Amino acid sequence: MPQQKAASLEELSERIIYSERYSDANFEYRHVILPKQMLKLIPKDYFRQDDPSLLRILDEHEWRGIGITQSLGWQHFEVHGAADVQGQ
């Protein structure tokens, strides 16, 4: 059986899911869902100290560095775990 090579962040970034944009009176929002396999490749210091299964709020250079693409001006402001998303 041929050995499969591990996927890179770049390859996995092609599988990121972006929601449609939606807005309120002040801001425009968009959900970004990362492939589960991607979490194993993200630097450990990008995760919360109190819950290492969740990303912390990332600066723009950090989220862009792991392959998330958004227009200029977007900010990362909230994190949901897999259980939160599945429960919706």
PDB file of N, CA and C in Angstrom:
ATOM      1  N   MET A   1       0.849  -1.186   0.000  1.00  0.00           N
ATOM      2  CA  MET A   1       0.000   0.000   0.000  1.00  0.00           C
ATOM      3  C   MET A   1       0.887   1.239   0.000  1.00  0.00           C
ATOM      4  N   PRO A   2       0.699   2.171  -0.956  1.00  0.00           N
ATOM      5  CA  PRO A   2       1.536   3.377  -0.978  1.00  0.00           C
ATOM      6  C   PRO A   2       1.259   4.250   0.246  1.00  0.00           C
ATOM      7  N   GLN A   3       2.331   4.845   0.717  1.00  0.00           N
ATOM      8  CA  GLN A   3       2.220   5.710   1.891  1.00  0.00           C
ATOM      9  C   GLN A   3       1.713   7.091   1.460  1.00  0.00           C
ATOM     10  N   GLN A   4       0.665   7.589   2.168  1.00  0.00           N
ATOM     11  CA  GLN A   4       0.138   8.906   1.847  1.00  0.00           C
ATOM     12  C   GLN A   4       0.944   9.955   2.593  1.00  0.00           C
ATOM     13  N   LYS A   5       1.278  11.040   1.908  1.00  0.00           N
ATOM     14  CA  LYS A   5       1.989  12.112   2.590  1.00  0.00           C
ATOM     15  C   LYS A   5       1.001  12.979   3.365  1.00  0.00           C
ATOM     16  N   ALA A   6       1.485  13.534   4.454  1.00  0.00           N
ATOM     17  CA  ALA A   6       0.643  14.401   5.276  1.00  0.00           C
ATOM     18  C   ALA A   6       0.319  15.675   4.500  1.00  0.00           C
ATOM     19  N   ALA A   7      -0.899  16.152   4.660  1.00  0.00           N
ATOM     20  CA  ALA A   7      -1.309  17.394   4.000  1.00  0.00           C
ATOM     21  C   ALA A   7      -0.631  18.581   4.672  1.00  0.00           C
ATOM     22  N   SER A   8      -0.313  19.586   3.898  1.00  0.00           N
ATOM     23  CA  SER A   8       0.295  20.805   4.421  1.00  0.00           C
ATOM     24  C   SER A   8      -0.795  21.828   4.720  1.00  0.00           C
ATOM     25  N   LEU A   9      -0.420  22.867   5.457  1.00  0.00           N
ATOM     26  CA  LEU A   9      -1.364  23.957   5.711  1.00  0.00           C
ATOM     27  C   LEU A   9      -1.886  24.526   4.400  1.00  0.00           C
ATOM     28  N   GLU A  10      -0.997  24.669   3.437  1.00  0.00           N
ATOM     29  CA  GLU A  10      -1.403  25.234   2.139  1.00  0.00           C
ATOM     30  C   GLU A  10      -2.449  24.355   1.461  1.00  0.00           C
ATOM     31  N   GLU A  11      -2.231  23.040   1.481  1.00  0.00           N
ATOM     32  CA  GLU A  11      -3.203  22.130   0.866  1.00  0.00           C
ATOM     33  C   GLU A  11      -4.536  22.152   1.615  1.00  0.00           C
ATOM     34  N   LEU A  12      -4.466  22.161   2.949  1.00  0.00           N
ATOM     35  CA  LEU A  12      -5.687  22.169   3.744  1.00  0.00           C
ATOM     36  C   LEU A  12      -6.428  23.498   3.649  1.00  0.00           C
ATOM     37  N   SER A  13      -5.700  24.579   3.394  1.00  0.00           N
ATOM     38  CA  SER A  13      -6.367  25.885   3.293  1.00  0.00           C
ATOM     39  C   SER A  13      -7.365  25.914   2.134  1.00  0.00           C
ATOM     40  N   GLU A  14      -7.179  25.049   1.152  1.00  0.00           N
ATOM     41  CA  GLU A  14      -8.122  24.962   0.042  1.00  0.00           C
ATOM     42  C   GLU A  14      -9.457  24.361   0.489  1.00  0.00           C
ATOM     43  N   ARG A  15      -9.481  23.745   1.675  1.00  0.00           N
ATOM     44  CA  ARG A  15     -10.699  23.116   2.194  1.00  0.00           C
ATOM     45  C   ARG A  15     -11.377  23.949   3.276  1.00  0.00           C
ATOM     46  N   ILE A  16     -10.881  25.164   3.523  1.00  0.00           N
ATOM     47  CA  ILE A  16     -11.527  26.056   4.482  1.00  0.00           C
ATOM     48  C   ILE A  16     -12.897  26.441   3.932  1.00  0.00           C
ATOM     49  N   ILE A  17     -13.888  26.451   4.813  1.00  0.00           N
ATOM     50  CA  ILE A  17     -15.249  26.818   4.409  1.00  0.00           C
ATOM     51  C   ILE A  17     -15.534  28.239   4.900  1.00  0.00           C
ATOM     52  N   TYR A  18     -16.018  29.073   4.005  1.00  0.00           N
ATOM     53  CA  TYR A  18     -16.382  30.456   4.316  1.00  0.00           C
ATOM     54  C   TYR A  18     -17.885  30.610   4.169  1.00  0.00           C
ATOM     55  N   SER A  19     -18.543  31.126   5.206  1.00  0.00           N
ATOM     56  CA  SER A  19     -19.989  31.352   5.122  1.00  0.00           C
ATOM     57  C   SER A  19     -20.265  32.561   4.236  1.00  0.00           C
ATOM     58  N   GLU A  20     -21.528  32.715   3.908  1.00  0.00           N
ATOM     59  CA  GLU A  20     -21.960  33.950   3.253  1.00  0.00           C
ATOM     60  C   GLU A  20     -21.778  35.087   4.255  1.00  0.00           C
ATOM     61  N   ARG A  21     -21.601  36.269   3.761  1.00  0.00           N
ATOM     62  CA  ARG A  21     -21.487  37.437   4.641  1.00  0.00           C
ATOM     63  C   ARG A  21     -22.864  37.832   5.144  1.00  0.00           C
ATOM     64  N   TYR A  22     -22.906  38.302   6.365  1.00  0.00           N
ATOM     65  CA  TYR A  22     -24.143  38.845   6.918  1.00  0.00           C
ATOM     66  C   TYR A  22     -23.772  40.024   7.791  1.00  0.00           C
ATOM     67  N   SER A  23     -24.737  40.877   8.120  1.00  0.00           N
ATOM     68  CA  SER A  23     -24.392  42.101   8.838  1.00  0.00           C
ATOM     69  C   SER A  23     -25.473  42.510   9.815  1.00  0.00           C
ATOM     70  N   ASP A  24     -25.075  43.405  10.721  1.00  0.00           N
ATOM     71  CA  ASP A  24     -26.019  44.086  11.597  1.00  0.00           C
ATOM     72  C   ASP A  24     -25.867  45.572  11.293  1.00  0.00           C
ATOM     73  N   ALA A  25     -26.328  46.429  12.155  1.00  0.00           N
ATOM     74  CA  ALA A  25     -26.271  47.869  11.898  1.00  0.00           C
ATOM     75  C   ALA A  25     -24.844  48.415  11.884  1.00  0.00           C
ATOM     76  N   ASN A  26     -23.896  47.667  12.484  1.00  0.00           N
ATOM     77  CA  ASN A  26     -22.535  48.181  12.628  1.00  0.00           C
ATOM     78  C   ASN A  26     -21.455  47.429  11.852  1.00  0.00           C
ATOM     79  N   PHE A  27     -21.613  46.124  11.709  1.00  0.00           N
ATOM     80  CA  PHE A  27     -20.520  45.315  11.170  1.00  0.00           C
ATOM     81  C   PHE A  27     -21.015  44.298  10.156  1.00  0.00           C
ATOM     82  N   GLU A  28     -20.056  43.808   9.377  1.00  0.00           N
ATOM     83  CA  GLU A  28     -20.309  42.695   8.470  1.00  0.00           C
ATOM     84  C   GLU A  28     -19.548  41.490   9.026  1.00  0.00           C
ATOM     85  N   TYR A  29     -20.149  40.311   8.962  1.00  0.00           N
ATOM     86  CA  TYR A  29     -19.583  39.109   9.576  1.00  0.00           C
ATOM     87  C   TYR A  29     -19.469  37.990   8.556  1.00  0.00           C
ATOM     88  N   ARG A  30     -18.642  37.015   8.918  1.00  0.00           N
ATOM     89  CA  ARG A  30     -18.496  35.813   8.109  1.00  0.00           C
ATOM     90  C   ARG A  30     -17.905  34.729   8.999  1.00  0.00           C
ATOM     91  N   HIS A  31     -18.454  33.539   8.931  1.00  0.00           N
ATOM     92  CA  HIS A  31     -17.891  32.404   9.663  1.00  0.00           C
ATOM     93  C   HIS A  31     -16.839  31.736   8.797  1.00  0.00           C
ATOM     94  N   VAL A  32     -15.772  31.280   9.439  1.00  0.00           N
ATOM     95  CA  VAL A  32     -14.713  30.552   8.760  1.00  0.00           C
ATOM     96  C   VAL A  32     -14.561  29.221   9.493  1.00  0.00           C
ATOM     97  N   ILE A  33     -14.716  28.119   8.769  1.00  0.00           N
ATOM     98  CA  ILE A  33     -14.624  26.795   9.375  1.00  0.00           C
ATOM     99  C   ILE A  33     -13.378  26.105   8.832  1.00  0.00           C
ATOM    100  N   LEU A  34     -12.477  25.768   9.765  1.00  0.00           N
ATOM    101  CA  LEU A  34     -11.221  25.126   9.390  1.00  0.00           C
ATOM    102  C   LEU A  34     -11.382  23.613   9.347  1.00  0.00           C
ATOM    103  N   PRO A  35     -10.697  22.941   8.409  1.00  0.00           N
ATOM    104  CA  PRO A  35     -10.708  21.479   8.410  1.00  0.00           C
ATOM    105  C   PRO A  35     -10.058  20.965   9.708  1.00  0.00           C
ATOM    106  N   LYS A  36     -10.621  19.938  10.271  1.00  0.00           N
ATOM    107  CA  LYS A  36     -10.124  19.399  11.540  1.00  0.00           C
ATOM    108  C   LYS A  36      -8.632  19.034  11.457  1.00  0.00           C
ATOM    109  N   GLN A  37      -8.208  18.473  10.331  1.00  0.00           N
ATOM    110  CA  GLN A  37      -6.803  18.076  10.163  1.00  0.00           C
ATOM    111  C   GLN A  37      -5.864  19.276  10.261  1.00  0.00           C
ATOM    112  N   MET A  38      -6.363  20.444   9.915  1.00  0.00           N
ATOM    113  CA  MET A  38      -5.550  21.654   9.934  1.00  0.00           C
ATOM    114  C   MET A  38      -5.115  22.025  11.354  1.00  0.00           C
ATOM    115  N   LEU A  39      -5.952  21.717  12.327  1.00  0.00           N
ATOM    116  CA  LEU A  39      -5.648  22.091  13.712  1.00  0.00           C
ATOM    117  C   LEU A  39      -4.350  21.462  14.208  1.00  0.00           C
ATOM    118  N   LYS A  40      -3.999  20.293  13.674  1.00  0.00           N
ATOM    119  CA  LYS A  40      -2.761  19.609  14.082  1.00  0.00           C
ATOM    120  C   LYS A  40      -1.509  20.322  13.570  1.00  0.00           C
ATOM    121  N   LEU A  41      -1.674  21.157  12.544  1.00  0.00           N
ATOM    122  CA  LEU A  41      -0.535  21.824  11.916  1.00  0.00           C
ATOM    123  C   LEU A  41      -0.347  23.270  12.358  1.00  0.00           C
ATOM    124  N   ILE A  42      -1.325  23.799  13.084  1.00  0.00           N
ATOM    125  CA  ILE A  42      -1.267  25.192  13.526  1.00  0.00           C
ATOM    126  C   ILE A  42      -0.371  25.277  14.762  1.00  0.00           C
ATOM    127  N   PRO A  43       0.485  26.295  14.856  1.00  0.00           N
ATOM    128  CA  PRO A  43       1.374  26.416  16.021  1.00  0.00           C
ATOM    129  C   PRO A  43       0.606  26.367  17.342  1.00  0.00           C
ATOM    130  N   LYS A  44       1.169  25.673  18.316  1.00  0.00           N
ATOM    131  CA  LYS A  44       0.514  25.480  19.618  1.00  0.00           C
ATOM    132  C   LYS A  44       0.209  26.800  20.320  1.00  0.00           C
ATOM    133  N   ASP A  45       1.026  27.825  20.093  1.00  0.00           N
ATOM    134  CA  ASP A  45       0.773  29.106  20.765  1.00  0.00           C
ATOM    135  C   ASP A  45      -0.405  29.875  20.158  1.00  0.00           C
ATOM    136  N   TYR A  46      -1.032  29.326  19.117  1.00  0.00           N
ATOM    137  CA  TYR A  46      -2.240  29.918  18.547  1.00  0.00           C
ATOM    138  C   TYR A  46      -3.500  29.448  19.282  1.00  0.00           C
ATOM    139  N   PHE A  47      -3.326  28.519  20.218  1.00  0.00           N
ATOM    140  CA  PHE A  47      -4.452  27.960  20.952  1.00  0.00           C
ATOM    141  C   PHE A  47      -4.551  28.582  22.333  1.00  0.00           C
ATOM    142  N   ARG A  48      -5.759  28.552  22.889  1.00  0.00           N
ATOM    143  CA  ARG A  48      -6.004  29.116  24.215  1.00  0.00           C
ATOM    144  C   ARG A  48      -5.301  28.292  25.276  1.00  0.00           C
ATOM    145  N   GLN A  49      -4.747  28.965  26.282  1.00  0.00           N
ATOM    146  CA  GLN A  49      -4.086  28.266  27.380  1.00  0.00           C
ATOM    147  C   GLN A  49      -5.100  27.553  28.255  1.00  0.00           C
ATOM    148  N   ASP A  50      -6.278  28.141  28.440  1.00  0.00           N
ATOM    149  CA  ASP A  50      -7.288  27.534  29.310  1.00  0.00           C
ATOM    150  C   ASP A  50      -8.073  26.419  28.612  1.00  0.00           C
ATOM    151  N   ASP A  51      -7.999  26.340  27.289  1.00  0.00           N
ATOM    152  CA  ASP A  51      -8.663  25.275  26.531  1.00  0.00           C
ATOM    153  C   ASP A  51      -7.878  25.046  25.248  1.00  0.00           C
ATOM    154  N   PRO A  52      -6.868  24.176  25.304  1.00  0.00           N
ATOM    155  CA  PRO A  52      -5.999  23.974  24.139  1.00  0.00           C
ATOM    156  C   PRO A  52      -6.680  23.358  22.915  1.00  0.00           C
ATOM    157  N   SER A  53      -7.973  23.053  23.014  1.00  0.00           N
ATOM    158  CA  SER A  53      -8.685  22.562  21.830  1.00  0.00           C
ATOM    159  C   SER A  53      -9.273  23.710  21.012  1.00  0.00           C
ATOM    160  N   LEU A  54      -9.216  24.941  21.544  1.00  0.00           N
ATOM    161  CA  LEU A  54      -9.772  26.111  20.864  1.00  0.00           C
ATOM    162  C   LEU A  54      -8.679  27.099  20.493  1.00  0.00           C
ATOM    163  N   LEU A  55      -8.802  27.661  19.303  1.00  0.00           N
ATOM    164  CA  LEU A  55      -7.895  28.737  18.928  1.00  0.00           C
ATOM    165  C   LEU A  55      -8.178  29.964  19.790  1.00  0.00           C
ATOM    166  N   ARG A  56      -7.147  30.736  20.024  1.00  0.00           N
ATOM    167  CA  ARG A  56      -7.346  32.047  20.658  1.00  0.00           C
ATOM    168  C   ARG A  56      -7.686  33.030  19.539  1.00  0.00           C
ATOM    169  N   ILE A  57      -8.013  34.263  19.883  1.00  0.00           N
ATOM    170  CA  ILE A  57      -8.232  35.292  18.867  1.00  0.00           C
ATOM    171  C   ILE A  57      -6.885  35.584  18.203  1.00  0.00           C
ATOM    172  N   LEU A  58      -6.842  35.458  16.890  1.00  0.00           N
ATOM    173  CA  LEU A  58      -5.588  35.626  16.148  1.00  0.00           C
ATOM    174  C   LEU A  58      -5.486  37.014  15.537  1.00  0.00           C
ATOM    175  N   ASP A  59      -4.251  37.510  15.480  1.00  0.00           N
ATOM    176  CA  ASP A  59      -3.980  38.754  14.767  1.00  0.00           C
ATOM    177  C   ASP A  59      -4.042  38.464  13.264  1.00  0.00           C
ATOM    178  N   GLU A  60      -4.191  39.519  12.484  1.00  0.00           N
ATOM    179  CA  GLU A  60      -4.337  39.344  11.034  1.00  0.00           C
ATOM    180  C   GLU A  60      -3.183  38.559  10.425  1.00  0.00           C
ATOM    181  N   HIS A  61      -1.946  38.864  10.801  1.00  0.00           N
ATOM    182  CA  HIS A  61      -0.816  38.139  10.197  1.00  0.00           C
ATOM    183  C   HIS A  61      -0.832  36.662  10.576  1.00  0.00           C
ATOM    184  N   GLU A  62      -1.420  36.316  11.727  1.00  0.00           N
ATOM    185  CA  GLU A  62      -1.501  34.917  12.147  1.00  0.00           C
ATOM    186  C   GLU A  62      -2.547  34.162  11.326  1.00  0.00           C
ATOM    187  N   TRP A  63      -3.776  34.713  11.226  1.00  0.00           N
ATOM    188  CA  TRP A  63      -4.796  33.971  10.483  1.00  0.00           C
ATOM    189  C   TRP A  63      -4.483  33.930   8.998  1.00  0.00           C
ATOM    190  N   ARG A  64      -3.877  34.993   8.481  1.00  0.00           N
ATOM    191  CA  ARG A  64      -3.468  34.933   7.069  1.00  0.00           C
ATOM    192  C   ARG A  64      -2.353  33.901   6.881  1.00  0.00           C
ATOM    193  N   GLY A  65      -1.475  33.779   7.880  1.00  0.00           N
ATOM    194  CA  GLY A  65      -0.360  32.845   7.815  1.00  0.00           C
ATOM    195  C   GLY A  65      -0.766  31.380   7.799  1.00  0.00           C
ATOM    196  N   ILE A  66      -1.963  31.071   8.297  1.00  0.00           N
ATOM    197  CA  ILE A  66      -2.431  29.679   8.251  1.00  0.00           C
ATOM    198  C   ILE A  66      -3.361  29.429   7.060  1.00  0.00           C
ATOM    199  N   GLY A  67      -3.523  30.437   6.218  1.00  0.00           N
ATOM    200  CA  GLY A  67      -4.245  30.221   4.967  1.00  0.00           C
ATOM    201  C   GLY A  67      -5.635  30.803   4.889  1.00  0.00           C
ATOM    202  N   ILE A  68      -6.085  31.523   5.908  1.00  0.00           N
ATOM    203  CA  ILE A  68      -7.405  32.154   5.851  1.00  0.00           C
ATOM    204  C   ILE A  68      -7.296  33.412   5.004  1.00  0.00           C
ATOM    205  N   THR A  69      -8.224  33.571   4.077  1.00  0.00           N
ATOM    206  CA  THR A  69      -8.216  34.758   3.220  1.00  0.00           C
ATOM    207  C   THR A  69      -9.491  35.553   3.446  1.00  0.00           C
ATOM    208  N   GLN A  70      -9.335  36.833   3.653  1.00  0.00           N
ATOM    209  CA  GLN A  70     -10.440  37.769   3.817  1.00  0.00           C
ATOM    210  C   GLN A  70     -10.000  39.093   3.197  1.00  0.00           C
ATOM    211  N   SER A  71     -10.945  39.949   2.936  1.00  0.00           N
ATOM    212  CA  SER A  71     -10.626  41.289   2.443  1.00  0.00           C
ATOM    213  C   SER A  71      -9.903  42.071   3.534  1.00  0.00           C
ATOM    214  N   LEU A  72      -9.197  43.117   3.137  1.00  0.00           N
ATOM    215  CA  LEU A  72      -8.521  43.964   4.115  1.00  0.00           C
ATOM    216  C   LEU A  72      -9.534  44.543   5.095  1.00  0.00           C
ATOM    217  N   GLY A  73      -9.145  44.651   6.341  1.00  0.00           N
ATOM    218  CA  GLY A  73     -10.006  45.223   7.364  1.00  0.00           C
ATOM    219  C   GLY A  73     -10.757  44.218   8.215  1.00  0.00           C
ATOM    220  N   TRP A  74     -10.781  42.957   7.795  1.00  0.00           N
ATOM    221  CA  TRP A  74     -11.466  41.945   8.590  1.00  0.00           C
ATOM    222  C   TRP A  74     -10.683  41.672   9.864  1.00  0.00           C
ATOM    223  N   GLN A  75     -11.404  41.382  10.945  1.00  0.00           N
ATOM    224  CA  GLN A  75     -10.785  41.057  12.230  1.00  0.00           C
ATOM    225  C   GLN A  75     -11.374  39.765  12.767  1.00  0.00           C
ATOM    226  N   HIS A  76     -10.511  38.971  13.378  1.00  0.00           N
ATOM    227  CA  HIS A  76     -10.938  37.748  14.061  1.00  0.00           C
ATOM    228  C   HIS A  76     -11.445  38.171  15.433  1.00  0.00           C
ATOM    229  N   PHE A  77     -12.699  37.826  15.764  1.00  0.00           N
ATOM    230  CA  PHE A  77     -13.249  38.311  17.027  1.00  0.00           C
ATOM    231  C   PHE A  77     -13.904  37.243  17.879  1.00  0.00           C
ATOM    232  N   GLU A  78     -14.095  36.035  17.353  1.00  0.00           N
ATOM    233  CA  GLU A  78     -14.798  35.018  18.124  1.00  0.00           C
ATOM    234  C   GLU A  78     -14.374  33.631  17.670  1.00  0.00           C
ATOM    235  N   VAL A  79     -14.428  32.665  18.599  1.00  0.00           N
ATOM    236  CA  VAL A  79     -14.070  31.281  18.294  1.00  0.00           C
ATOM    237  C   VAL A  79     -15.179  30.366  18.801  1.00  0.00           C
ATOM    238  N   HIS A  80     -15.537  29.393  17.980  1.00  0.00           N
ATOM    239  CA  HIS A  80     -16.491  28.361  18.387  1.00  0.00           C
ATOM    240  C   HIS A  80     -15.794  27.020  18.232  1.00  0.00           C
ATOM    241  N   GLY A  81     -16.012  26.125  19.187  1.00  0.00           N
ATOM    242  CA  GLY A  81     -15.481  24.773  19.083  1.00  0.00           C
ATOM    243  C   GLY A  81     -16.367  23.901  18.224  1.00  0.00           C
ATOM    244  N   ALA A  82     -15.892  22.711  17.899  1.00  0.00           N
ATOM    245  CA  ALA A  82     -16.665  21.788  17.075  1.00  0.00           C
ATOM    246  C   ALA A  82     -18.014  21.461  17.694  1.00  0.00           C
ATOM    247  N   ALA A  83     -18.061  21.304  19.008  1.00  0.00           N
ATOM    248  CA  ALA A  83     -19.335  20.988  19.679  1.00  0.00           C
ATOM    249  C   ALA A  83     -20.337  22.126  19.514  1.00  0.00           C
ATOM    250  N   ASP A  84     -19.855  23.371  19.535  1.00  0.00           N
ATOM    251  CA  ASP A  84     -20.742  24.524  19.343  1.00  0.00           C
ATOM    252  C   ASP A  84     -21.342  24.513  17.953  1.00  0.00           C
ATOM    253  N   VAL A  85     -20.552  24.206  16.953  1.00  0.00           N
ATOM    254  CA  VAL A  85     -21.001  24.228  15.571  1.00  0.00           C
ATOM    255  C   VAL A  85     -21.969  23.068  15.323  1.00  0.00           C
ATOM    256  N   GLN A  86     -21.652  21.887  15.840  1.00  0.00           N
ATOM    257  CA  GLN A  86     -22.503  20.716  15.612  1.00  0.00           C
ATOM    258  C   GLN A  86     -23.847  20.876  16.299  1.00  0.00           C
ATOM    259  N   GLY A  87     -23.895  21.623  17.398  1.00  0.00           N
ATOM    260  CA  GLY A  87     -25.129  21.778  18.145  1.00  0.00           C
ATOM    261  C   GLY A  87     -26.100  22.778  17.541  1.00  0.00           C
ATOM    262  N   GLN A  88     -25.692  23.483  16.493  1.00  0.00           N
ATOM    263  CA  GLN A  88     -26.567  24.504  15.894  1.00  0.00           C
ATOM    264  C   GLN A  88     -27.681  23.884  15.096  1.00  0.00           C
TER     265      GLN A  88
END
